N, C-alpha and C. Protein backbone atom coordinates (compact mmCIF):
# COMPACT_ATOMS: atom_id res chain seq x y z
N MET A 1 1.09 -0.95 0.05
CA MET A 1 -0.09 0.11 -0.08
C MET A 1 0.87 1.22 -0.05
N ARG A 2 0.71 2.30 -0.67
CA ARG A 2 1.20 3.39 -0.83
C ARG A 2 0.46 4.53 -0.51
N ARG A 3 0.81 5.68 0.28
CA ARG A 3 -0.01 7.07 0.53
C ARG A 3 0.30 7.92 -0.13
N PHE A 4 -0.62 8.32 -0.75
CA PHE A 4 -0.58 10.17 -1.47
C PHE A 4 -1.28 10.84 -0.63
N GLY A 5 -0.79 11.30 0.54
CA GLY A 5 -1.61 12.50 1.21
C GLY A 5 -2.49 11.74 2.04
N SER A 6 -3.71 11.95 2.11
CA SER A 6 -5.00 11.23 2.63
C SER A 6 -5.27 9.96 1.94
N LEU A 7 -4.86 9.83 0.52
CA LEU A 7 -5.17 8.68 -0.29
C LEU A 7 -4.43 7.63 -0.20
N ALA A 8 -5.09 6.38 -0.01
CA ALA A 8 -3.96 5.29 0.16
C ALA A 8 -4.52 4.32 -1.21
N VAL A 9 -3.39 3.85 -1.95
CA VAL A 9 -3.53 3.07 -2.90
C VAL A 9 -3.16 1.78 -2.99
N CYS A 10 -3.60 0.82 -2.95
CA CYS A 10 -3.34 -0.76 -2.86
C CYS A 10 -3.42 -1.52 -4.04
N LEU A 11 -2.52 -1.84 -4.77
CA LEU A 11 -2.20 -2.75 -5.91
C LEU A 11 -2.08 -4.22 -5.57
N LEU A 12 -3.07 -5.06 -5.95
CA LEU A 12 -2.91 -6.59 -5.92
C LEU A 12 -2.98 -7.34 -7.01
N ALA A 13 -1.72 -8.40 -7.11
CA ALA A 13 -1.74 -8.80 -8.29
C ALA A 13 -2.22 -10.40 -7.96
N ALA A 14 -2.81 -11.01 -8.63
CA ALA A 14 -3.08 -12.31 -8.70
C ALA A 14 -2.45 -13.07 -9.62
N VAL A 15 -1.80 -14.28 -9.05
CA VAL A 15 -1.21 -15.28 -9.87
C VAL A 15 -1.80 -16.51 -10.17
N SER A 16 -2.15 -16.56 -11.33
CA SER A 16 -3.05 -18.00 -11.56
C SER A 16 -2.33 -18.73 -12.31
N PRO A 17 -2.59 -20.35 -12.18
CA PRO A 17 -1.92 -21.44 -12.81
C PRO A 17 -2.07 -21.11 -14.32
N VAL A 18 -0.86 -21.57 -15.27
CA VAL A 18 -1.27 -21.79 -16.44
C VAL A 18 -2.62 -22.52 -16.97
N ALA A 19 -3.45 -21.99 -17.82
CA ALA A 19 -4.80 -22.90 -18.32
C ALA A 19 -4.04 -24.10 -19.01
N ALA A 20 -5.00 -25.24 -18.73
CA ALA A 20 -4.56 -26.55 -19.31
C ALA A 20 -4.83 -26.42 -20.84
N ALA A 21 -4.12 -26.94 -21.43
CA ALA A 21 -3.85 -27.18 -23.02
C ALA A 21 -4.42 -28.46 -23.50
N GLY A 22 -4.71 -28.65 -24.66
CA GLY A 22 -4.78 -29.92 -25.37
C GLY A 22 -3.71 -30.74 -25.50
N LEU A 23 -4.21 -31.89 -25.44
CA LEU A 23 -3.04 -33.07 -25.53
C LEU A 23 -3.37 -34.25 -26.55
N ALA A 24 -2.58 -34.81 -27.36
CA ALA A 24 -3.21 -35.88 -28.12
C ALA A 24 -2.20 -37.01 -27.81
N VAL A 25 -2.67 -38.00 -27.16
CA VAL A 25 -1.86 -39.03 -26.67
C VAL A 25 -2.17 -40.40 -27.27
N VAL A 26 -1.11 -41.14 -27.84
CA VAL A 26 -1.12 -42.44 -28.89
C VAL A 26 -0.25 -43.45 -28.58
N ASN A 27 -0.34 -44.49 -28.97
CA ASN A 27 0.59 -45.93 -28.70
C ASN A 27 1.83 -45.13 -29.65
N ALA A 28 3.10 -45.19 -29.09
CA ALA A 28 4.25 -44.74 -29.83
C ALA A 28 4.51 -45.81 -31.19
N ALA A 29 4.37 -46.92 -31.05
CA ALA A 29 4.39 -48.19 -31.95
C ALA A 29 3.74 -47.62 -33.40
N GLY A 30 2.46 -47.43 -33.25
CA GLY A 30 1.73 -47.35 -34.52
C GLY A 30 0.74 -46.14 -34.66
N TYR A 31 0.84 -45.07 -33.79
CA TYR A 31 0.03 -44.04 -33.59
C TYR A 31 -1.25 -44.15 -33.60
N THR A 32 -1.66 -45.18 -32.92
CA THR A 32 -3.23 -45.36 -32.71
C THR A 32 -3.54 -45.25 -30.95
N ALA A 33 -4.79 -45.21 -30.82
CA ALA A 33 -5.19 -44.91 -29.59
C ALA A 33 -4.96 -46.15 -28.53
N ALA A 34 -4.72 -47.20 -28.98
CA ALA A 34 -4.73 -48.22 -28.14
C ALA A 34 -3.40 -48.14 -27.18
N LEU A 35 -3.94 -48.26 -25.92
CA LEU A 35 -2.77 -47.92 -24.69
C LEU A 35 -3.18 -48.86 -23.76
N ALA A 36 -2.25 -49.09 -22.95
CA ALA A 36 -2.00 -50.08 -21.88
C ALA A 36 -0.94 -49.86 -20.93
N PRO A 37 -1.15 -50.17 -19.82
CA PRO A 37 -0.09 -50.47 -18.71
C PRO A 37 1.35 -50.84 -19.62
N GLU A 38 2.63 -50.30 -19.25
CA GLU A 38 4.06 -50.44 -19.60
C GLU A 38 4.15 -50.38 -21.22
N ILE A 39 3.43 -49.68 -21.97
CA ILE A 39 3.63 -49.35 -23.47
C ILE A 39 4.26 -47.92 -23.37
N ILE A 40 4.82 -47.56 -24.45
CA ILE A 40 5.27 -46.23 -24.84
C ILE A 40 4.32 -45.71 -25.45
N ALA A 41 4.02 -44.43 -24.79
CA ALA A 41 3.09 -43.45 -25.27
C ALA A 41 3.45 -42.13 -25.92
N THR A 42 3.16 -41.77 -26.76
CA THR A 42 3.83 -40.36 -27.49
C THR A 42 2.61 -39.41 -27.43
N ALA A 43 2.88 -38.25 -26.60
CA ALA A 43 1.78 -37.24 -26.71
C ALA A 43 2.37 -35.77 -27.65
N PHE A 44 1.37 -35.20 -28.21
CA PHE A 44 1.30 -34.22 -29.09
C PHE A 44 0.94 -32.98 -28.54
N GLY A 45 1.46 -31.85 -28.44
CA GLY A 45 0.45 -30.55 -27.80
C GLY A 45 1.37 -29.50 -28.20
N SER A 46 1.56 -28.20 -27.29
CA SER A 46 2.28 -27.16 -27.41
C SER A 46 2.66 -27.01 -25.99
N ASP A 47 3.94 -26.47 -26.04
CA ASP A 47 4.51 -25.86 -24.80
C ASP A 47 4.59 -26.90 -23.69
N LEU A 48 4.87 -28.22 -24.36
CA LEU A 48 5.18 -29.47 -23.33
C LEU A 48 6.44 -29.38 -22.76
N ALA A 49 7.47 -28.60 -23.17
CA ALA A 49 8.75 -28.67 -22.55
C ALA A 49 9.44 -27.39 -22.69
N VAL A 50 10.38 -27.06 -21.91
CA VAL A 50 11.28 -25.84 -22.02
C VAL A 50 12.71 -26.40 -22.03
N GLY A 51 13.53 -25.48 -23.08
CA GLY A 51 14.80 -26.02 -23.12
C GLY A 51 14.96 -27.04 -23.49
N SER A 52 15.76 -28.11 -22.46
CA SER A 52 16.10 -29.37 -22.54
C SER A 52 14.76 -30.46 -22.45
N GLY A 53 13.97 -29.80 -21.62
CA GLY A 53 12.82 -30.60 -21.35
C GLY A 53 12.88 -31.76 -19.88
N ALA A 54 14.16 -31.21 -19.40
CA ALA A 54 14.66 -32.10 -18.18
C ALA A 54 13.33 -31.85 -17.06
N SER A 55 12.69 -30.71 -16.97
CA SER A 55 11.66 -30.45 -16.05
C SER A 55 10.33 -30.77 -16.43
N THR A 56 10.15 -31.38 -17.60
CA THR A 56 8.77 -31.68 -17.42
C THR A 56 8.17 -33.05 -17.06
N THR A 57 7.16 -33.18 -16.60
CA THR A 57 6.85 -34.48 -16.08
C THR A 57 5.32 -34.63 -16.44
N VAL A 58 5.17 -36.13 -16.12
CA VAL A 58 3.82 -36.85 -16.73
C VAL A 58 3.40 -37.68 -15.47
N ALA A 59 1.81 -37.40 -15.56
CA ALA A 59 1.15 -38.19 -14.51
C ALA A 59 0.19 -38.75 -15.24
N VAL A 60 -0.15 -40.01 -14.69
CA VAL A 60 -1.54 -40.76 -15.05
C VAL A 60 -2.28 -40.97 -14.10
N GLN A 61 -3.58 -40.45 -14.11
CA GLN A 61 -4.68 -40.88 -13.20
C GLN A 61 -5.41 -41.90 -13.86
N ASP A 62 -5.72 -42.84 -13.02
CA ASP A 62 -6.30 -44.15 -13.68
C ASP A 62 -7.83 -44.12 -13.33
N SER A 63 -8.55 -45.20 -13.63
CA SER A 63 -10.22 -45.24 -13.46
C SER A 63 -10.33 -45.37 -12.02
N ALA A 64 -9.62 -45.87 -11.31
CA ALA A 64 -9.59 -46.12 -9.74
C ALA A 64 -9.13 -44.74 -9.04
N GLY A 65 -9.03 -43.86 -9.89
CA GLY A 65 -8.35 -42.47 -9.25
C GLY A 65 -7.11 -42.33 -8.62
N ILE A 66 -6.41 -43.30 -8.88
CA ILE A 66 -4.65 -43.31 -8.69
C ILE A 66 -4.25 -42.47 -9.25
N VAL A 67 -3.30 -41.73 -8.98
CA VAL A 67 -2.25 -40.79 -10.05
C VAL A 67 -0.92 -41.48 -9.49
N ARG A 68 -0.40 -41.72 -10.94
CA ARG A 68 1.41 -42.45 -10.71
C ARG A 68 2.01 -41.59 -11.99
N ALA A 69 3.16 -41.28 -11.33
CA ALA A 69 4.32 -40.53 -11.95
C ALA A 69 4.52 -41.48 -13.32
N ALA A 70 4.48 -41.27 -14.77
CA ALA A 70 5.11 -41.98 -15.83
C ALA A 70 6.51 -41.53 -15.92
N THR A 71 7.20 -42.53 -16.54
CA THR A 71 8.44 -42.14 -16.87
C THR A 71 8.84 -41.64 -18.11
N LEU A 72 9.27 -40.29 -18.29
CA LEU A 72 9.37 -39.69 -19.53
C LEU A 72 10.73 -40.10 -20.18
N LEU A 73 10.88 -40.44 -21.24
CA LEU A 73 11.76 -40.84 -22.42
C LEU A 73 12.26 -39.44 -22.70
N TYR A 74 11.61 -38.73 -23.64
CA TYR A 74 11.94 -37.56 -24.21
C TYR A 74 10.86 -36.52 -23.86
N ALA A 75 11.38 -35.37 -23.92
CA ALA A 75 10.70 -34.10 -24.17
C ALA A 75 11.25 -33.10 -24.95
N PHE A 76 9.94 -32.69 -25.91
CA PHE A 76 10.37 -31.34 -26.71
C PHE A 76 9.18 -30.44 -26.45
N PRO A 77 9.24 -29.19 -27.15
CA PRO A 77 8.04 -28.32 -27.10
C PRO A 77 6.64 -29.08 -27.49
N ARG A 78 6.95 -29.85 -28.48
CA ARG A 78 5.54 -30.08 -29.18
C ARG A 78 5.29 -31.75 -29.09
N GLN A 79 6.52 -32.50 -28.63
CA GLN A 79 6.11 -33.86 -28.48
C GLN A 79 7.08 -34.51 -27.50
N ILE A 80 6.35 -35.53 -26.59
CA ILE A 80 6.82 -35.83 -25.53
C ILE A 80 6.69 -37.45 -25.53
N ALA A 81 7.65 -38.47 -25.03
CA ALA A 81 7.22 -40.07 -24.91
C ALA A 81 7.44 -40.33 -23.34
N PHE A 82 6.44 -41.11 -23.15
CA PHE A 82 6.69 -41.63 -21.89
C PHE A 82 5.95 -43.32 -21.84
N VAL A 83 6.31 -43.70 -20.54
CA VAL A 83 5.83 -45.08 -20.54
C VAL A 83 4.76 -44.94 -19.55
N ILE A 84 3.41 -45.47 -20.07
CA ILE A 84 2.32 -45.77 -19.27
C ILE A 84 2.73 -46.40 -17.86
N PRO A 85 2.38 -46.08 -16.78
CA PRO A 85 2.80 -46.75 -15.55
C PRO A 85 2.23 -48.13 -15.40
N ALA A 86 3.13 -49.20 -14.62
CA ALA A 86 2.75 -50.62 -14.58
C ALA A 86 1.71 -50.89 -13.89
N ALA A 87 1.32 -50.59 -13.06
CA ALA A 87 -0.13 -50.66 -12.17
C ALA A 87 -1.26 -49.92 -12.73
N THR A 88 -1.52 -49.01 -13.83
CA THR A 88 -2.43 -48.26 -14.30
C THR A 88 -3.66 -49.17 -14.58
N ALA A 89 -4.80 -48.81 -13.98
CA ALA A 89 -5.81 -49.56 -13.88
C ALA A 89 -6.64 -49.52 -15.29
N PRO A 90 -7.13 -50.46 -16.12
CA PRO A 90 -7.82 -50.30 -17.42
C PRO A 90 -9.22 -49.39 -17.18
N GLY A 91 -9.52 -48.73 -18.12
CA GLY A 91 -10.57 -47.82 -18.31
C GLY A 91 -10.06 -46.27 -18.53
N PRO A 92 -10.85 -45.32 -18.33
CA PRO A 92 -10.73 -44.19 -18.74
C PRO A 92 -9.67 -43.61 -17.70
N ALA A 93 -8.64 -42.79 -18.25
CA ALA A 93 -7.54 -42.40 -17.62
C ALA A 93 -7.20 -40.79 -17.95
N SER A 94 -6.74 -39.91 -17.41
CA SER A 94 -6.06 -38.92 -17.59
C SER A 94 -4.61 -38.69 -17.70
N VAL A 95 -4.06 -38.18 -18.76
CA VAL A 95 -2.61 -38.15 -18.65
C VAL A 95 -2.54 -36.59 -18.58
N ILE A 96 -1.61 -36.20 -17.59
CA ILE A 96 -1.40 -34.71 -17.33
C ILE A 96 0.09 -34.45 -17.58
N ALA A 97 0.53 -33.55 -18.47
CA ALA A 97 1.82 -33.32 -19.08
C ALA A 97 1.95 -32.00 -18.28
N THR A 98 3.12 -31.57 -17.31
CA THR A 98 3.31 -30.44 -17.17
C THR A 98 4.83 -29.77 -17.35
N SER A 99 4.99 -28.95 -17.99
CA SER A 99 6.12 -28.40 -18.47
C SER A 99 7.03 -27.59 -17.49
N GLY A 100 8.19 -27.37 -17.77
CA GLY A 100 9.07 -26.49 -16.65
C GLY A 100 8.49 -25.14 -16.58
N ASP A 101 7.62 -24.77 -17.27
CA ASP A 101 7.45 -23.20 -16.84
C ASP A 101 5.89 -23.26 -16.43
N GLY A 102 5.50 -24.75 -16.15
CA GLY A 102 4.01 -24.80 -15.44
C GLY A 102 2.83 -25.05 -16.38
N THR A 103 3.25 -24.84 -17.51
CA THR A 103 1.95 -25.29 -18.38
C THR A 103 1.52 -26.70 -18.41
N VAL A 104 0.34 -26.65 -18.15
CA VAL A 104 -0.40 -28.15 -17.81
C VAL A 104 -1.21 -28.36 -19.12
N SER A 105 -0.88 -29.81 -19.78
CA SER A 105 -1.64 -30.17 -20.90
C SER A 105 -2.16 -31.48 -20.45
N SER A 106 -3.30 -31.89 -20.69
CA SER A 106 -4.34 -33.07 -20.54
C SER A 106 -4.74 -33.42 -21.59
N ALA A 107 -5.14 -34.76 -21.53
CA ALA A 107 -6.03 -35.43 -22.26
C ALA A 107 -6.77 -36.66 -21.67
N VAL A 108 -7.96 -37.14 -22.14
CA VAL A 108 -8.53 -38.24 -21.52
C VAL A 108 -8.39 -39.33 -22.28
N VAL A 109 -7.93 -40.81 -22.10
CA VAL A 109 -7.57 -41.71 -22.78
C VAL A 109 -8.27 -43.03 -22.36
N GLN A 110 -8.18 -43.92 -22.97
CA GLN A 110 -8.65 -45.23 -22.63
C GLN A 110 -7.66 -46.31 -22.40
N ILE A 111 -7.46 -46.73 -21.43
CA ILE A 111 -6.34 -47.89 -20.90
C ILE A 111 -6.98 -49.27 -20.93
N SER A 112 -6.44 -50.16 -21.80
CA SER A 112 -6.91 -51.40 -21.93
C SER A 112 -5.78 -52.11 -21.11
N ALA A 113 -6.13 -53.74 -20.97
CA ALA A 113 -5.22 -54.63 -20.33
C ALA A 113 -4.17 -54.68 -21.15
N VAL A 114 -4.25 -54.96 -22.31
CA VAL A 114 -3.15 -55.01 -23.23
C VAL A 114 -3.55 -54.32 -24.52
N ALA A 115 -2.10 -53.76 -25.16
CA ALA A 115 -2.35 -52.73 -26.41
C ALA A 115 -1.23 -53.23 -27.31
N PRO A 116 -0.87 -54.23 -27.79
CA PRO A 116 0.32 -54.71 -28.52
C PRO A 116 0.51 -53.54 -29.82
N GLY A 117 1.66 -53.30 -29.92
CA GLY A 117 2.03 -52.38 -31.19
C GLY A 117 3.28 -52.79 -31.53
N LEU A 118 3.46 -52.67 -32.68
CA LEU A 118 4.69 -53.21 -33.45
C LEU A 118 5.60 -51.99 -34.19
N PHE A 119 6.68 -51.69 -33.90
CA PHE A 119 7.29 -50.58 -34.25
C PHE A 119 7.66 -50.95 -35.81
N SER A 120 7.40 -50.04 -36.67
CA SER A 120 7.65 -50.57 -38.05
C SER A 120 8.65 -49.63 -38.65
N ALA A 121 9.24 -49.98 -39.71
CA ALA A 121 10.05 -49.26 -40.59
C ALA A 121 9.58 -48.00 -41.16
N ASN A 122 8.27 -47.92 -41.52
CA ASN A 122 7.70 -46.81 -42.02
C ASN A 122 6.99 -46.05 -40.81
N ALA A 123 7.00 -46.12 -39.60
CA ALA A 123 6.77 -45.63 -38.47
C ALA A 123 4.86 -45.57 -38.29
N ASN A 124 4.36 -46.49 -39.04
CA ASN A 124 3.04 -46.35 -38.76
C ASN A 124 2.11 -47.64 -38.00
N GLY A 125 3.15 -48.65 -37.44
CA GLY A 125 2.60 -49.80 -37.28
C GLY A 125 2.27 -50.99 -37.98
N GLN A 126 2.33 -50.88 -39.05
CA GLN A 126 2.16 -51.59 -40.37
C GLN A 126 3.24 -51.97 -41.27
N GLY A 127 3.25 -53.11 -41.94
CA GLY A 127 4.23 -53.45 -42.90
C GLY A 127 5.57 -53.70 -42.28
N VAL A 128 6.83 -53.56 -42.68
CA VAL A 128 7.80 -54.27 -42.43
C VAL A 128 8.24 -53.82 -40.87
N ALA A 129 8.87 -54.66 -40.32
CA ALA A 129 8.92 -54.26 -38.75
C ALA A 129 10.30 -53.88 -38.51
N ALA A 130 10.41 -52.87 -37.42
CA ALA A 130 11.76 -52.21 -37.42
C ALA A 130 12.57 -53.36 -36.33
N ALA A 131 13.29 -54.07 -36.91
CA ALA A 131 13.93 -55.03 -36.24
C ALA A 131 15.41 -55.31 -36.52
N VAL A 132 16.23 -55.81 -35.57
CA VAL A 132 17.45 -55.92 -35.60
C VAL A 132 17.75 -57.54 -35.58
N ALA A 133 18.42 -58.21 -36.93
CA ALA A 133 18.83 -59.66 -37.23
C ALA A 133 20.34 -59.64 -36.48
N VAL A 134 20.27 -60.45 -35.25
CA VAL A 134 21.62 -60.67 -34.76
C VAL A 134 22.12 -62.03 -34.97
N GLN A 135 23.44 -62.04 -35.65
CA GLN A 135 24.30 -63.26 -35.82
C GLN A 135 25.35 -63.27 -34.97
N GLY A 136 25.71 -63.80 -34.27
CA GLY A 136 26.80 -64.03 -33.43
C GLY A 136 26.84 -62.75 -32.69
N GLN A 137 28.16 -61.94 -32.81
CA GLN A 137 28.08 -60.80 -31.95
C GLN A 137 28.13 -59.71 -32.85
N THR A 138 27.57 -59.58 -34.12
CA THR A 138 27.24 -58.53 -35.05
C THR A 138 25.70 -58.43 -35.01
N ALA A 139 25.41 -57.16 -35.43
CA ALA A 139 23.91 -56.79 -35.47
C ALA A 139 24.07 -55.94 -36.96
N SER A 140 22.69 -56.19 -37.71
CA SER A 140 22.38 -55.54 -38.80
C SER A 140 20.82 -55.35 -38.84
N LEU A 141 20.60 -53.91 -39.27
CA LEU A 141 19.05 -53.43 -39.00
C LEU A 141 18.49 -54.02 -40.45
N VAL A 142 17.27 -54.58 -40.19
CA VAL A 142 16.41 -55.13 -41.16
C VAL A 142 15.37 -54.14 -41.60
N PHE A 143 15.22 -53.66 -42.88
CA PHE A 143 14.06 -52.81 -43.17
C PHE A 143 13.39 -53.56 -44.33
N THR A 144 13.90 -54.56 -44.78
CA THR A 144 12.73 -55.21 -45.61
C THR A 144 12.79 -56.70 -45.53
N CYS A 145 11.93 -57.16 -45.92
CA CYS A 145 11.93 -58.98 -45.74
C CYS A 145 11.91 -59.74 -46.95
N GLY A 146 12.85 -60.46 -47.29
CA GLY A 146 12.71 -61.02 -48.49
C GLY A 146 12.07 -62.40 -48.28
N ALA A 147 11.53 -63.13 -49.16
CA ALA A 147 10.84 -64.18 -49.31
C ALA A 147 11.51 -65.39 -48.82
N ALA A 148 12.91 -65.43 -49.03
CA ALA A 148 13.56 -66.68 -48.78
C ALA A 148 14.31 -66.44 -47.30
N PRO A 149 14.04 -67.49 -46.30
CA PRO A 149 14.76 -67.56 -45.17
C PRO A 149 16.32 -67.26 -44.83
N PRO A 150 16.72 -66.72 -43.97
CA PRO A 150 18.16 -66.46 -43.96
C PRO A 150 19.09 -67.48 -44.20
N ALA A 151 20.05 -67.33 -45.12
CA ALA A 151 21.02 -68.51 -45.66
C ALA A 151 21.76 -68.89 -44.49
N VAL A 152 22.26 -67.88 -43.51
CA VAL A 152 22.97 -68.27 -42.40
C VAL A 152 22.29 -69.02 -41.07
N PRO A 153 22.79 -69.75 -40.52
CA PRO A 153 21.94 -70.32 -39.52
C PRO A 153 22.43 -69.60 -38.29
N GLN A 154 21.67 -69.51 -37.20
CA GLN A 154 21.81 -69.11 -35.89
C GLN A 154 21.55 -67.43 -36.15
N THR A 155 20.57 -67.10 -36.73
CA THR A 155 20.24 -65.80 -36.95
C THR A 155 18.98 -65.49 -35.99
N TYR A 156 18.96 -64.65 -35.26
CA TYR A 156 17.78 -64.21 -34.33
C TYR A 156 17.15 -63.40 -34.33
N PRO A 157 16.04 -62.90 -34.94
CA PRO A 157 15.36 -61.63 -34.86
C PRO A 157 15.07 -61.15 -33.76
N THR A 158 14.96 -59.74 -33.45
CA THR A 158 14.67 -58.89 -32.57
C THR A 158 13.54 -58.10 -32.81
N PHE A 159 12.43 -58.09 -32.32
CA PHE A 159 11.32 -57.24 -32.60
C PHE A 159 11.15 -56.09 -31.58
N TYR A 160 10.63 -55.03 -31.73
CA TYR A 160 10.47 -54.09 -30.88
C TYR A 160 9.04 -53.85 -30.97
N PHE A 161 8.59 -54.15 -29.58
CA PHE A 161 7.09 -54.15 -29.36
C PHE A 161 6.79 -52.90 -28.33
N SER A 162 5.77 -52.42 -28.50
CA SER A 162 5.23 -51.15 -27.24
C SER A 162 4.62 -51.67 -26.10
N SER A 163 4.51 -53.14 -26.19
CA SER A 163 4.01 -53.87 -24.86
C SER A 163 4.23 -55.22 -24.98
N TYR A 164 4.50 -55.79 -23.51
CA TYR A 164 4.28 -57.40 -23.48
C TYR A 164 3.69 -57.97 -22.56
């Protein structure tokens, strides 16, 4: 408060949290809505991270009302990736992302018991798998599949799934 003669002036400043913004959450393997505990999810929005994204957090509130922190894999201003917490109950859930500057983005998603997804070479969850063929101690990327089986015995393919 400041006094000007007999007149007193008081200025009040209200600090309000940053309004919640929209968030689109998908299965990272095929960009579908199929989500389940322990899968990798990708979320798209705006102001999801500041700088390196180290201070961004993600929480999931499940159908039982329990809020769990999700493991953040990476954060950029318009995209983040995280793992849906293991004990998340099936049913409707809220995903809440909070960036380092306090911007809150949220989405309501549907959690299923399982939601397998295969990471593919063309990034849409269909077609050729993003896989590694391991022979002995060497590894080579596989982006196309031939009709003939590998000529070299002891070849073990490794596929990347979003759930197990």
